[in-house]
Structure formats: structure tokens, C-alpha cells
Amino acid sequence: AADFVIVSFHWGIEYQDFPTEYQKSLAHMAIDCGADIVVGHHPHTFQGIEIYKGKLIAYSLGNFVFDQKDLKNNQSFILKVTFDWEKLHRIEIIPIELVTFPHSPKVAEGKMAQEILDRLYFDSSIFGTEFELRSERGVIKDVFQ
């Protein structure tokens, strides 16, 4: 009886840039069972974004606050999701970098923002997901059924 259903999974293999077949199957099953958004976490690095049957799957958002030494594990993103009455309308991708001790999150800018968005674009391309770049942010819209 909810207007929208968001499911979060703790899954995946640490430090892997792409989701496993199990993650993809489980995400698809969650959408098929009524979820509007599936968001994953655990690998300590972000993974791609998929639009499946007009619904959002973000396989891993990466780290938000963590003490990793590898630069790619200090890159992440936040999703700003907008619903239009009955469906997902727009997704904004806000690149995040972890800086200073103890690795506090901050909105990435300039070269770092571009690097994060380029990497996410590549990781998402295996699902056919594309997004526009707008002012150091990514935007997905008008692809939802």
C-alpha cells in the first residue's frame, strides 16, 4: 500500500567495479515484485546504474564515510531522485569524494567530479544506461515508463 518502494541490499564482492550475476538477478526480482528503486552497498567502490523496466537500480553507491587508501574507493555518489506523481521522473547523480581524516564526504568539483562521472558512465554502459552531464552532475530523465 506504499506509494513508492525502495529496497536496499548489502551485497556484492568488495572492491569489484561491476555487480555479480546474483546481484543483477536479485535486483531484477525486486523490481519485478514491485520495488521502484533498488540501491546496493558493500563493495567499497561504486558500481553501475541500470534502468530496468523503467525503474532504478544503483548496484553500489560506494563509500560515504570510510578509511580507504585507494583513490577509487574514496569516490562515491549520491542519488537525488524525483518522482512525478506515479513514477520515477528524474535522477540526479551528485559526485562525492572523501577528503581529510577521517575521510569526510564532500561534493566533488572540477576534475575530480568529471573523473567520478566518467567512471560511473563507463560502469553503467554495460546496462545501456546513459546520463547527461550538467554542471558537474549527471542527470537521467525521461526514460521511465
C-alpha atoms as a PDB file:
ATOM      1  CA  ALA A   1       0.000   0.000   0.000  1.00  0.00           C
ATOM      2  CA  ALA A   2       3.032   2.283  -0.342  1.00  0.00           C
ATOM      3  CA  ASP A   3       3.278   4.994  -2.994  1.00  0.00           C
ATOM      4  CA  PHE A   4       6.868   4.013  -3.752  1.00  0.00           C
ATOM      5  CA  VAL A   5       9.059   1.132  -2.585  1.00  0.00           C
ATOM      6  CA  ILE A   6      12.819   1.475  -2.121  1.00  0.00           C
ATOM      7  CA  VAL A   7      14.858  -1.654  -1.404  1.00  0.00           C
ATOM      8  CA  SER A   8      18.426  -1.613  -0.076  1.00  0.00           C
ATOM      9  CA  PHE A   9      20.731  -4.638  -0.293  1.00  0.00           C
ATOM     10  CA  HIS A  10      24.048  -5.271   1.450  1.00  0.00           C
ATOM     11  CA  TRP A  11      25.694  -7.314  -1.292  1.00  0.00           C
ATOM     12  CA  GLY A  12      28.490  -7.734  -3.796  1.00  0.00           C
ATOM     13  CA  ILE A  13      32.180  -8.502  -3.738  1.00  0.00           C
ATOM     14  CA  GLU A  14      34.457  -5.958  -2.106  1.00  0.00           C
ATOM     15  CA  TYR A  15      36.430  -3.717  -4.482  1.00  0.00           C
ATOM     16  CA  GLN A  16      34.712  -5.062  -7.626  1.00  0.00           C
ATOM     17  CA  ASP A  17      33.605  -2.393 -10.118  1.00  0.00           C
ATOM     18  CA  PHE A  18      30.767  -4.460 -11.573  1.00  0.00           C
ATOM     19  CA  PRO A  19      27.899  -6.364  -9.944  1.00  0.00           C
ATOM     20  CA  THR A  20      27.737 -10.146  -9.879  1.00  0.00           C
ATOM     21  CA  GLU A  21      25.092 -12.146 -11.732  1.00  0.00           C
ATOM     22  CA  TYR A  22      23.466 -12.801  -8.354  1.00  0.00           C
ATOM     23  CA  GLN A  23      23.136  -9.063  -7.680  1.00  0.00           C
ATOM     24  CA  LYS A  24      21.605  -8.472 -11.100  1.00  0.00           C
ATOM     25  CA  SER A  25      19.121 -11.347 -10.690  1.00  0.00           C
ATOM     26  CA  LEU A  26      18.100 -10.242  -7.195  1.00  0.00           C
ATOM     27  CA  ALA A  27      17.724  -6.599  -8.273  1.00  0.00           C
ATOM     28  CA  HIS A  28      15.548  -7.588 -11.221  1.00  0.00           C
ATOM     29  CA  MET A  29      13.458  -9.831  -8.962  1.00  0.00           C
ATOM     30  CA  ALA A  30      12.932  -6.946  -6.505  1.00  0.00           C
ATOM     31  CA  ILE A  31      11.723  -4.706  -9.346  1.00  0.00           C
ATOM     32  CA  ASP A  32       9.524  -7.498 -10.720  1.00  0.00           C
ATOM     33  CA  CYS A  33       7.982  -7.846  -7.239  1.00  0.00           C
ATOM     34  CA  GLY A  34       7.109  -4.154  -7.017  1.00  0.00           C
ATOM     35  CA  ALA A  35      10.188  -2.177  -5.961  1.00  0.00           C
ATOM     36  CA  ASP A  36      10.620   1.233  -7.609  1.00  0.00           C
ATOM     37  CA  ILE A  37      14.267   1.666  -6.629  1.00  0.00           C
ATOM     38  CA  VAL A  38      16.976  -0.811  -5.645  1.00  0.00           C
ATOM     39  CA  VAL A  39      20.119   0.548  -4.003  1.00  0.00           C
ATOM     40  CA  GLY A  40      23.097  -1.573  -3.040  1.00  0.00           C
ATOM     41  CA  HIS A  41      26.062  -1.113  -0.775  1.00  0.00           C
ATOM     42  CA  HIS A  42      29.040  -3.115   0.488  1.00  0.00           C
ATOM     43  CA  PRO A  43      31.742  -3.338  -2.234  1.00  0.00           C
ATOM     44  CA  HIS A  44      33.564  -0.158  -1.026  1.00  0.00           C
ATOM     45  CA  THR A  45      33.508   1.095  -4.596  1.00  0.00           C
ATOM     46  CA  PHE A  46      30.625   2.239  -6.726  1.00  0.00           C
ATOM     47  CA  GLN A  47      29.111   0.073  -9.419  1.00  0.00           C
ATOM     48  CA  GLY A  48      26.884   0.934 -12.343  1.00  0.00           C
ATOM     49  CA  ILE A  49      23.349   2.232 -12.615  1.00  0.00           C
ATOM     50  CA  GLU A  50      20.709   0.283 -14.517  1.00  0.00           C
ATOM     51  CA  ILE A  51      17.248   1.332 -15.620  1.00  0.00           C
ATOM     52  CA  TYR A  52      15.210  -1.885 -15.631  1.00  0.00           C
ATOM     53  CA  LYS A  53      11.556  -1.753 -16.721  1.00  0.00           C
ATOM     54  CA  GLY A  54      11.610   1.986 -16.071  1.00  0.00           C
ATOM     55  CA  LYS A  55      12.877   1.521 -12.509  1.00  0.00           C
ATOM     56  CA  LEU A  56      16.229   2.451 -10.952  1.00  0.00           C
ATOM     57  CA  ILE A  57      18.909   0.030  -9.816  1.00  0.00           C
ATOM     58  CA  ALA A  58      22.084   1.503  -8.308  1.00  0.00           C
ATOM     59  CA  TYR A  59      24.221  -1.560  -7.641  1.00  0.00           C
ATOM     60  CA  SER A  60      26.560   0.222  -5.218  1.00  0.00           C
ATOM     61  CA  LEU A  61      26.916   3.866  -4.225  1.00  0.00           C
ATOM     62  CA  GLY A  62      30.481   3.340  -2.988  1.00  0.00           C
ATOM     63  CA  ASN A  63      31.826   4.597   0.312  1.00  0.00           C
ATOM     64  CA  PHE A  64      30.315   7.588   2.038  1.00  0.00           C
ATOM     65  CA  VAL A  65      32.476   7.705   5.155  1.00  0.00           C
ATOM     66  CA  PHE A  66      35.283   5.180   5.335  1.00  0.00           C
ATOM     67  CA  ASP A  67      39.041   4.946   5.753  1.00  0.00           C
ATOM     68  CA  GLN A  68      40.156   3.518   2.421  1.00  0.00           C
ATOM     69  CA  LYS A  69      43.571   4.277   0.951  1.00  0.00           C
ATOM     70  CA  ASP A  70      42.862   3.623  -2.735  1.00  0.00           C
ATOM     71  CA  LEU A  71      41.639   6.770  -4.545  1.00  0.00           C
ATOM     72  CA  LYS A  72      38.833   4.974  -6.376  1.00  0.00           C
ATOM     73  CA  ASN A  73      37.419   3.826  -3.022  1.00  0.00           C
ATOM     74  CA  ASN A  74      37.294   7.470  -1.920  1.00  0.00           C
ATOM     75  CA  GLN A  75      34.986   8.296  -4.819  1.00  0.00           C
ATOM     76  CA  SER A  76      31.254   7.911  -4.499  1.00  0.00           C
ATOM     77  CA  PHE A  77      27.955   9.479  -5.469  1.00  0.00           C
ATOM     78  CA  ILE A  78      24.602  10.489  -4.041  1.00  0.00           C
ATOM     79  CA  LEU A  79      21.352   9.986  -5.917  1.00  0.00           C
ATOM     80  CA  LYS A  80      18.745  12.740  -5.846  1.00  0.00           C
ATOM     81  CA  VAL A  81      15.559  11.106  -7.074  1.00  0.00           C
ATOM     82  CA  THR A  82      12.397  12.925  -8.196  1.00  0.00           C
ATOM     83  CA  PHE A  83       9.050  11.214  -8.587  1.00  0.00           C
ATOM     84  CA  ASP A  84       6.365  12.638 -10.841  1.00  0.00           C
ATOM     85  CA  TRP A  85       3.080  11.634  -9.211  1.00  0.00           C
ATOM     86  CA  GLU A  86       3.103   7.946 -10.046  1.00  0.00           C
ATOM     87  CA  LYS A  87       6.523   7.220 -11.486  1.00  0.00           C
ATOM     88  CA  LEU A  88      10.191   7.957 -11.324  1.00  0.00           C
ATOM     89  CA  HIS A  89      10.836  11.120 -13.292  1.00  0.00           C
ATOM     90  CA  ARG A  90      14.441  12.235 -12.823  1.00  0.00           C
ATOM     91  CA  ILE A  91      17.667  11.056 -11.220  1.00  0.00           C
ATOM     92  CA  GLU A  92      20.473  13.434 -10.402  1.00  0.00           C
ATOM     93  CA  ILE A  93      23.910  11.968  -9.748  1.00  0.00           C
ATOM     94  CA  ILE A  94      25.984  14.049  -7.345  1.00  0.00           C
ATOM     95  CA  PRO A  95      29.663  13.013  -7.306  1.00  0.00           C
ATOM     96  CA  ILE A  96      31.233  12.752  -3.848  1.00  0.00           C
ATOM     97  CA  GLU A  97      34.832  12.498  -2.754  1.00  0.00           C
ATOM     98  CA  LEU A  98      36.080  11.531   0.685  1.00  0.00           C
ATOM     99  CA  VAL A  99      38.646  14.021   1.938  1.00  0.00           C
ATOM    100  CA  THR A 100      40.640  14.711   5.096  1.00  0.00           C
ATOM    101  CA  PHE A 101      40.744  12.465   8.112  1.00  0.00           C
ATOM    102  CA  PRO A 102      38.510  10.619   8.888  1.00  0.00           C
ATOM    103  CA  HIS A 103      37.538  10.822   5.219  1.00  0.00           C
ATOM    104  CA  SER A 104      34.552  13.113   5.367  1.00  0.00           C
ATOM    105  CA  PRO A 105      32.327  13.329   2.289  1.00  0.00           C
ATOM    106  CA  LYS A 106      32.188  16.471   0.165  1.00  0.00           C
ATOM    107  CA  VAL A 107      30.625  17.242  -3.189  1.00  0.00           C
ATOM    108  CA  ALA A 108      33.323  16.733  -5.800  1.00  0.00           C
ATOM    109  CA  GLU A 109      34.173  19.588  -8.143  1.00  0.00           C
ATOM    110  CA  GLY A 110      36.188  20.161 -11.285  1.00  0.00           C
ATOM    111  CA  LYS A 111      38.499  17.410 -12.438  1.00  0.00           C
ATOM    112  CA  MET A 112      37.511  15.062  -9.591  1.00  0.00           C
ATOM    113  CA  ALA A 113      33.773  15.410 -10.359  1.00  0.00           C
ATOM    114  CA  GLN A 114      34.459  14.694 -14.024  1.00  0.00           C
ATOM    115  CA  GLU A 115      36.582  11.651 -13.171  1.00  0.00           C
ATOM    116  CA  ILE A 116      33.851  10.190 -10.942  1.00  0.00           C
ATOM    117  CA  LEU A 117      31.105  10.816 -13.506  1.00  0.00           C
ATOM    118  CA  ASP A 118      33.224   9.395 -16.348  1.00  0.00           C
ATOM    119  CA  ARG A 119      33.919   6.255 -14.327  1.00  0.00           C
ATOM    120  CA  LEU A 120      30.245   5.840 -13.406  1.00  0.00           C
ATOM    121  CA  TYR A 121      29.218   6.417 -17.032  1.00  0.00           C
ATOM    122  CA  PHE A 122      31.564   3.621 -18.115  1.00  0.00           C
ATOM    123  CA  ASP A 123      30.377   1.278 -15.323  1.00  0.00           C
ATOM    124  CA  SER A 124      26.739   1.966 -16.279  1.00  0.00           C
ATOM    125  CA  SER A 125      27.289   1.485 -20.003  1.00  0.00           C
ATOM    126  CA  ILE A 126      27.172  -2.316 -19.624  1.00  0.00           C
ATOM    127  CA  PHE A 127      23.459  -1.836 -18.837  1.00  0.00           C
ATOM    128  CA  GLY A 128      22.892   0.630 -21.679  1.00  0.00           C
ATOM    129  CA  THR A 129      22.371   3.412 -19.142  1.00  0.00           C
ATOM    130  CA  GLU A 130      23.377   6.880 -20.253  1.00  0.00           C
ATOM    131  CA  PHE A 131      23.169  10.206 -18.487  1.00  0.00           C
ATOM    132  CA  GLU A 132      23.733  13.826 -19.406  1.00  0.00           C
ATOM    133  CA  LEU A 133      26.415  15.901 -17.751  1.00  0.00           C
ATOM    134  CA  ARG A 134      25.153  19.174 -16.298  1.00  0.00           C
ATOM    135  CA  SER A 135      27.244  21.439 -14.097  1.00  0.00           C
ATOM    136  CA  GLU A 136      29.425  18.675 -12.643  1.00  0.00           C
ATOM    137  CA  ARG A 137      26.428  16.405 -12.103  1.00  0.00           C
ATOM    138  CA  GLY A 138      24.840  13.589 -14.044  1.00  0.00           C
ATOM    139  CA  VAL A 139      21.134  13.606 -14.944  1.00  0.00           C
ATOM    140  CA  ILE A 140      18.918  10.731 -16.060  1.00  0.00           C
ATOM    141  CA  LYS A 141      15.389  11.701 -17.062  1.00  0.00           C
ATOM    142  CA  ASP A 142      12.549  10.956 -19.416  1.00  0.00           C
ATOM    143  CA  VAL A 143      13.445   7.268 -19.820  1.00  0.00           C
ATOM    144  CA  PHE A 144      10.975   5.974 -17.255  1.00  0.00           C
ATOM    145  CA  GLN A 145       7.837   4.146 -18.330  1.00  0.00           C
END
